[in-house]
Amino acid sequence: MSTAETVRSAESPVVAAGTTASSDGRADRADRATRVARRRPPVGPVAASAWLAVVALAALLLPLLPGFDPLHGDFAHPAAAPGPGHWLGTDGSGRDILQRTVAGARASFAVAALTVLVGLLGGGVLGLAAGWFRGPVDRAIGFATDLLMSVPSLILVMIVVSIRGPGLTVIGTLIGLFTVPHFTRVVRAVVLSLTERGFVQAARMIGTAPLRILRREIVPHVAPVALTFAFTATTVAIVAEGSLSFLGFGLRPPEPSWGGIIAEGRTTLGSAPWISLAPAAVLCLTVLALNYLGEHLRSGGSAAAKVSRTKAAATKGARG
């Protein structure tokens, strides 16, 4: 063997070792970068949460400040453009648009909270009963929910409001009643899938009481799904309340609500567009943030469930 061949043969293990070491280093750096990226919170959900936090805190805290009065009119500055003193301008009566928008947020969130409460409680109970008992109970609940979903909800709410008078309690309860069928279907689907799982079947075989199974095994798995759907119900409630107020079936003027403020400014869109555009922008951004967070939670839950199923299958295969 020549001298050059001897040198190359001696160097080749060193080169291979160096190449392997550099590859391992790049892999380690890539793994560290991946872990850092996973730990870093995504921008979209953080921005949506921040916006909702700002709106909620403004609705809770700003009314506590001295001088906050959404019904007070500055008659020296009617329909004033946004600027110092009135950061979102004033309406035709000189009332501050920022203060009225904040007060409107309180009304929208109150209706949304009542809607979710009614829908979650009513739909949760019916969905648990339909998915657990099945048979005639499931068919009866299914018929009732189908019947309720066939009713034109907005028209019925208008009729009831015309008879009973407008109010946050009346509007929130009625909107919540029409979300009950949707909560029922969501909860029922989860319960039907859970009743076929091994841990529920095992609890039945050892004679565990049905109420105990529901409380200990079913409800903890149903609650995250129902709470995720609550984001959708919240957006429905906010949009419905705004629509009713825009049509004149919400809070009576001059009580502020987002839909009512938008309706008040529609006649002056050419000369004072900020009267309608400011609450409309807040309404749209709030609904967008709620929808985005709800979709993010749904996709996150689906991904987590997929990973869990994959790990379970891998564990089962390894044991086999």
Protein backbone atom coordinates (compact mmCIF):
# COMPACT_ATOMS: atom_id res chain seq x y z
CA MET A 1 0.00 0.00 0.00
CA SER A 2 1.26 3.45 -0.94
CA THR A 3 1.92 6.21 1.57
CA ALA A 4 -1.05 8.32 0.30
CA GLU A 5 -3.46 5.40 0.65
CA THR A 6 -2.20 4.73 4.15
CA VAL A 7 -2.79 8.38 5.13
CA ARG A 8 -6.31 8.40 3.63
CA SER A 9 -7.24 5.18 5.37
CA ALA A 10 -6.00 6.60 8.66
CA GLU A 11 -7.89 9.87 8.17
CA SER A 12 -11.23 8.31 7.15
CA PRO A 13 -12.33 7.30 10.68
CA VAL A 14 -11.45 10.76 11.91
CA VAL A 15 -13.43 12.42 9.11
CA ALA A 16 -16.37 10.10 9.68
CA ALA A 17 -16.29 10.81 13.39
CA GLY A 18 -16.17 14.56 12.70
CA THR A 19 -19.05 14.32 10.25
CA THR A 20 -21.11 12.33 12.75
CA ALA A 21 -20.32 14.80 15.51
CA SER A 22 -21.29 17.77 13.34
CA SER A 23 -24.51 16.04 12.30
CA ASP A 24 -25.34 15.31 15.93
CA GLY A 25 -24.62 18.95 16.78
CA ARG A 26 -26.94 20.19 14.05
CA ALA A 27 -29.61 17.75 15.21
CA ASP A 28 -29.24 18.94 18.80
CA ARG A 29 -29.48 22.57 17.71
CA ALA A 30 -32.57 21.78 15.63
CA ASP A 31 -34.14 19.99 18.58
CA ARG A 32 -33.41 22.92 20.87
CA ALA A 33 -34.89 25.36 18.34
CA THR A 34 -37.99 23.18 18.05
CA ARG A 35 -38.41 23.06 21.83
CA VAL A 36 -38.00 26.82 22.08
CA ALA A 37 -40.58 27.34 19.31
CA ARG A 38 -43.00 25.06 21.11
CA ARG A 39 -42.53 26.91 24.39
CA ARG A 40 -43.06 30.27 22.69
CA PRO A 41 -46.78 31.16 22.81
CA PRO A 42 -48.42 31.63 19.40
CA VAL A 43 -49.07 35.22 18.42
CA GLY A 44 -52.70 34.80 17.33
CA PRO A 45 -54.17 33.42 20.57
CA VAL A 46 -52.13 35.86 22.64
CA ALA A 47 -53.40 38.81 20.61
CA ALA A 48 -57.00 37.58 20.78
CA SER A 49 -56.77 37.02 24.53
CA ALA A 50 -55.19 40.44 25.02
CA TRP A 51 -57.98 42.15 23.10
CA LEU A 52 -60.69 40.37 25.07
CA ALA A 53 -58.90 41.21 28.32
CA VAL A 54 -58.72 44.88 27.35
CA VAL A 55 -62.43 45.03 26.47
CA ALA A 56 -63.47 43.12 29.60
CA LEU A 57 -61.31 45.23 31.92
CA ALA A 58 -62.56 48.43 30.32
CA ALA A 59 -66.16 47.30 30.76
CA LEU A 60 -65.52 46.44 34.42
CA LEU A 61 -63.22 49.25 35.57
CA LEU A 62 -63.94 52.37 33.51
CA PRO A 63 -67.52 52.76 34.85
CA LEU A 64 -66.00 52.99 38.33
CA LEU A 65 -64.01 56.10 37.46
CA PRO A 66 -65.40 59.50 38.46
CA GLY A 67 -66.99 61.38 35.60
CA PHE A 68 -68.00 58.27 33.69
CA ASP A 69 -71.50 58.91 32.39
CA PRO A 70 -72.45 57.50 28.98
CA LEU A 71 -75.76 59.39 29.12
CA HIS A 72 -74.22 62.84 29.71
CA GLY A 73 -74.30 65.11 26.66
CA ASP A 74 -71.65 67.71 25.92
CA PHE A 75 -73.95 70.15 24.12
CA ALA A 76 -70.99 72.38 23.25
CA HIS A 77 -69.49 69.61 21.07
CA PRO A 78 -72.26 67.69 19.26
CA ALA A 79 -71.03 65.18 16.66
CA ALA A 80 -67.43 66.17 17.46
CA ALA A 81 -64.66 64.31 15.67
CA PRO A 82 -62.30 62.07 17.69
CA GLY A 83 -59.72 64.07 19.59
CA PRO A 84 -58.55 65.09 23.08
CA GLY A 85 -61.39 65.01 25.56
CA HIS A 86 -63.47 62.69 23.36
CA TRP A 87 -61.08 60.08 21.98
CA LEU A 88 -63.72 58.40 19.82
CA GLY A 89 -65.76 61.53 19.22
CA THR A 90 -69.32 62.33 20.29
CA ASP A 91 -72.74 61.61 18.86
CA GLY A 92 -75.38 64.11 17.79
CA SER A 93 -76.33 64.77 21.42
CA GLY A 94 -72.74 65.30 22.53
CA ARG A 95 -72.48 61.96 24.35
CA ASP A 96 -69.01 60.43 24.45
CA ILE A 97 -68.72 57.48 22.03
CA LEU A 98 -65.92 55.82 24.02
CA GLN A 99 -67.97 55.79 27.20
CA ARG A 100 -71.06 54.55 25.38
CA THR A 101 -69.04 51.82 23.66
CA VAL A 102 -67.64 50.65 27.02
CA ALA A 103 -71.14 50.64 28.54
CA GLY A 104 -72.37 48.73 25.49
CA ALA A 105 -69.70 46.10 26.13
CA ARG A 106 -71.13 45.54 29.61
CA ALA A 107 -74.56 44.91 28.12
CA SER A 108 -73.21 42.52 25.47
CA PHE A 109 -71.13 40.54 27.96
CA ALA A 110 -74.03 40.32 30.40
CA VAL A 111 -76.28 38.87 27.68
CA ALA A 112 -73.50 36.50 26.57
CA ALA A 113 -72.89 35.25 30.12
CA LEU A 114 -76.58 34.56 30.68
CA THR A 115 -76.84 32.87 27.29
CA VAL A 116 -73.93 30.53 28.00
CA LEU A 117 -75.28 29.75 31.47
CA VAL A 118 -78.73 28.79 30.18
CA GLY A 119 -77.39 26.88 27.18
CA LEU A 120 -74.69 25.06 29.13
CA LEU A 121 -76.94 23.96 31.97
CA GLY A 122 -79.96 23.06 29.85
CA GLY A 123 -78.04 21.52 26.97
CA GLY A 124 -75.61 19.76 29.29
CA VAL A 125 -78.34 18.00 31.25
CA LEU A 126 -80.28 17.02 28.13
CA GLY A 127 -77.15 15.86 26.32
CA LEU A 128 -76.06 13.71 29.26
CA ALA A 129 -79.52 12.14 29.50
CA ALA A 130 -79.77 11.49 25.75
CA GLY A 131 -76.29 9.99 25.46
CA TRP A 132 -76.51 7.88 28.60
CA PHE A 133 -80.05 6.47 28.49
CA ARG A 134 -80.45 6.34 24.69
CA GLY A 135 -83.57 4.64 23.39
CA PRO A 136 -86.87 6.48 23.98
CA VAL A 137 -85.20 9.18 26.07
CA ASP A 138 -82.76 9.97 23.28
CA ARG A 139 -85.53 10.05 20.68
CA ALA A 140 -87.73 12.33 22.80
CA ILE A 141 -84.90 14.77 23.47
CA GLY A 142 -83.88 14.66 19.82
CA PHE A 143 -87.42 15.49 18.72
CA ALA A 144 -87.63 18.39 21.19
CA THR A 145 -84.29 19.84 20.08
CA ASP A 146 -85.21 19.50 16.39
CA LEU A 147 -88.50 21.24 17.08
CA LEU A 148 -86.80 24.11 18.91
CA MET A 149 -84.21 24.51 16.15
CA SER A 150 -86.97 24.80 13.55
CA VAL A 151 -88.45 27.88 15.27
CA PRO A 152 -87.31 31.26 13.82
CA SER A 153 -85.46 32.34 16.92
CA LEU A 154 -84.92 36.03 16.15
CA ILE A 155 -88.58 36.59 15.28
CA LEU A 156 -89.75 34.81 18.44
CA VAL A 157 -87.37 36.90 20.57
CA MET A 158 -88.78 40.06 18.99
CA ILE A 159 -92.34 38.95 19.80
CA VAL A 160 -91.51 38.14 23.42
CA VAL A 161 -89.57 41.38 23.87
CA SER A 162 -92.51 43.32 22.44
CA ILE A 163 -94.82 41.67 24.99
CA ARG A 164 -92.56 41.57 28.05
CA GLY A 165 -90.47 44.63 27.33
CA PRO A 166 -86.71 44.82 26.64
CA GLY A 167 -84.21 43.81 29.28
CA LEU A 168 -80.88 42.03 29.56
CA THR A 169 -82.41 39.15 31.52
CA VAL A 170 -85.20 38.57 29.01
CA ILE A 171 -82.91 38.79 25.98
CA GLY A 172 -80.14 36.65 27.49
CA THR A 173 -82.55 33.94 28.65
CA LEU A 174 -84.29 33.73 25.27
CA ILE A 175 -81.06 33.58 23.29
CA GLY A 176 -79.73 30.98 25.73
CA LEU A 177 -82.87 28.90 25.23
CA PHE A 178 -82.16 28.69 21.51
CA THR A 179 -78.57 27.57 22.13
CA VAL A 180 -79.75 24.62 24.25
CA PRO A 181 -80.23 22.28 21.23
CA HIS A 182 -76.68 22.94 20.02
CA PHE A 183 -75.17 22.28 23.45
CA THR A 184 -77.34 19.16 23.67
CA ARG A 185 -76.00 17.74 20.43
CA VAL A 186 -72.39 18.48 21.32
CA VAL A 187 -72.66 16.89 24.77
CA ARG A 188 -74.65 13.92 23.47
CA ALA A 189 -72.01 13.10 20.84
CA VAL A 190 -69.25 13.11 23.47
CA VAL A 191 -71.27 10.97 25.89
CA LEU A 192 -72.06 8.40 23.18
CA SER A 193 -68.37 8.00 22.42
CA LEU A 194 -67.41 7.81 26.09
CA THR A 195 -69.92 5.09 26.96
CA GLU A 196 -68.03 2.74 24.61
CA ARG A 197 -64.67 3.39 26.28
CA GLY A 198 -63.07 0.76 28.45
CA PHE A 199 -63.02 2.70 31.70
CA VAL A 200 -66.77 3.34 31.53
CA GLN A 201 -67.50 -0.28 30.66
CA ALA A 202 -65.31 -1.41 33.56
CA ALA A 203 -67.14 0.91 35.96
CA ARG A 204 -70.45 -0.57 34.82
CA MET A 205 -69.21 -4.14 35.19
CA ILE A 206 -68.17 -3.64 38.82
CA GLY A 207 -71.61 -2.22 39.65
CA THR A 208 -70.82 1.48 40.02
CA ALA A 209 -73.93 3.61 40.35
CA PRO A 210 -74.87 5.47 37.13
CA LEU A 211 -74.80 8.88 38.81
CA ARG A 212 -71.32 8.18 40.12
CA ILE A 213 -70.12 7.14 36.66
CA LEU A 214 -71.58 10.29 35.18
CA ARG A 215 -70.02 12.47 37.85
CA ARG A 216 -66.59 10.81 37.97
CA GLU A 217 -66.04 9.48 34.45
CA ILE A 218 -68.31 11.29 31.98
CA VAL A 219 -68.63 14.91 33.11
CA PRO A 220 -64.86 15.59 33.42
CA HIS A 221 -64.43 14.58 29.78
CA VAL A 222 -67.53 16.42 28.58
CA ALA A 223 -66.77 19.72 30.32
CA PRO A 224 -63.77 20.80 28.14
CA VAL A 225 -65.72 20.17 24.93
CA ALA A 226 -68.78 22.03 26.18
CA LEU A 227 -66.70 24.96 27.42
CA THR A 228 -64.96 25.16 24.05
CA PHE A 229 -68.34 25.32 22.32
CA ALA A 230 -69.27 28.08 24.77
CA PHE A 231 -67.02 30.42 22.75
CA THR A 232 -69.30 29.90 19.75
CA ALA A 233 -72.39 30.49 21.90
CA THR A 234 -70.83 33.71 23.21
CA THR A 235 -70.31 35.08 19.71
CA VAL A 236 -73.88 34.11 18.79
CA ALA A 237 -75.21 35.95 21.85
CA ILE A 238 -73.17 39.11 21.17
CA VAL A 239 -74.20 39.24 17.51
CA ALA A 240 -77.86 38.47 18.34
CA GLU A 241 -77.99 41.15 21.02
CA GLY A 242 -76.42 43.65 18.65
CA SER A 243 -78.88 42.75 15.92
CA LEU A 244 -81.87 43.10 18.24
CA SER A 245 -80.66 46.47 19.50
CA PHE A 246 -80.03 47.64 15.94
CA LEU A 247 -83.60 46.70 15.01
CA GLY A 248 -85.01 48.43 18.08
CA PHE A 249 -85.79 45.33 20.16
CA GLY A 250 -82.85 45.60 22.55
CA LEU A 251 -82.22 48.05 25.34
CA ARG A 252 -84.35 51.16 25.10
CA PRO A 253 -82.49 54.35 24.12
CA PRO A 254 -80.61 56.13 25.53
CA GLU A 255 -79.30 53.01 27.32
CA PRO A 256 -76.16 52.12 25.35
CA SER A 257 -75.60 48.88 23.48
CA TRP A 258 -73.35 48.22 20.52
CA GLY A 259 -76.21 47.59 18.11
CA GLY A 260 -78.14 50.61 19.38
CA ILE A 261 -75.15 52.96 18.99
CA ILE A 262 -74.57 51.69 15.45
CA ALA A 263 -78.24 52.28 14.65
CA GLU A 264 -78.11 55.81 16.07
CA GLY A 265 -75.21 56.75 13.81
CA ARG A 266 -76.43 55.22 10.56
CA THR A 267 -78.16 58.44 9.52
CA THR A 268 -74.93 60.45 9.86
CA LEU A 269 -72.47 58.08 8.21
CA GLY A 270 -71.53 60.75 5.69
CA SER A 271 -70.84 63.56 8.16
CA ALA A 272 -69.95 61.70 11.40
CA PRO A 273 -69.00 58.10 10.55
CA TRP A 274 -67.19 57.55 13.88
CA ILE A 275 -70.53 57.28 15.69
CA SER A 276 -71.26 53.93 14.05
CA LEU A 277 -67.78 52.79 13.05
CA ALA A 278 -66.25 52.83 16.55
CA PRO A 279 -68.71 50.39 18.20
CA ALA A 280 -68.92 48.37 14.98
CA ALA A 281 -65.13 47.91 14.98
CA VAL A 282 -65.12 46.87 18.64
CA LEU A 283 -67.98 44.44 18.01
CA CYS A 284 -66.26 42.88 14.98
CA LEU A 285 -62.88 42.54 16.72
CA THR A 286 -64.48 40.99 19.81
CA VAL A 287 -66.40 38.43 17.78
CA LEU A 288 -63.28 37.68 15.70
CA ALA A 289 -61.18 37.16 18.84
CA LEU A 290 -63.77 34.84 20.38
CA ASN A 291 -64.08 32.80 17.20
CA TYR A 292 -60.30 32.56 16.85
CA LEU A 293 -59.82 31.38 20.42
CA GLY A 294 -62.64 28.86 20.10
CA GLU A 295 -61.14 27.46 16.90
CA HIS A 296 -57.68 27.36 18.49
CA LEU A 297 -59.00 25.41 21.47
CA ARG A 298 -60.88 22.99 19.21
CA SER A 299 -57.82 22.33 17.04
CA GLY A 300 -55.63 21.99 20.12
CA GLY A 301 -58.03 19.51 21.67
CA SER A 302 -58.17 17.48 18.45
CA ALA A 303 -54.38 17.42 18.21
CA ALA A 304 -54.04 16.37 21.85
CA ALA A 305 -56.58 13.59 21.37
CA LYS A 306 -54.73 12.38 18.26
CA VAL A 307 -51.41 12.33 20.13
CA SER A 308 -53.04 10.46 23.01
CA ARG A 309 -54.46 7.84 20.64
CA THR A 310 -51.09 7.45 18.93
CA LYS A 311 -49.29 6.96 22.24
CA ALA A 312 -51.90 4.44 23.38
CA ALA A 313 -51.53 2.48 20.13
CA ALA A 314 -47.73 2.53 20.40
CA THR A 315 -47.88 1.34 24.01
CA LYS A 316 -50.27 -1.44 23.08
CA GLY A 317 -48.03 -2.51 20.19
CA ALA A 318 -44.96 -2.54 22.43
CA ARG A 319 -46.73 -4.70 25.01
CA GLY A 320 -47.91 -7.03 22.29
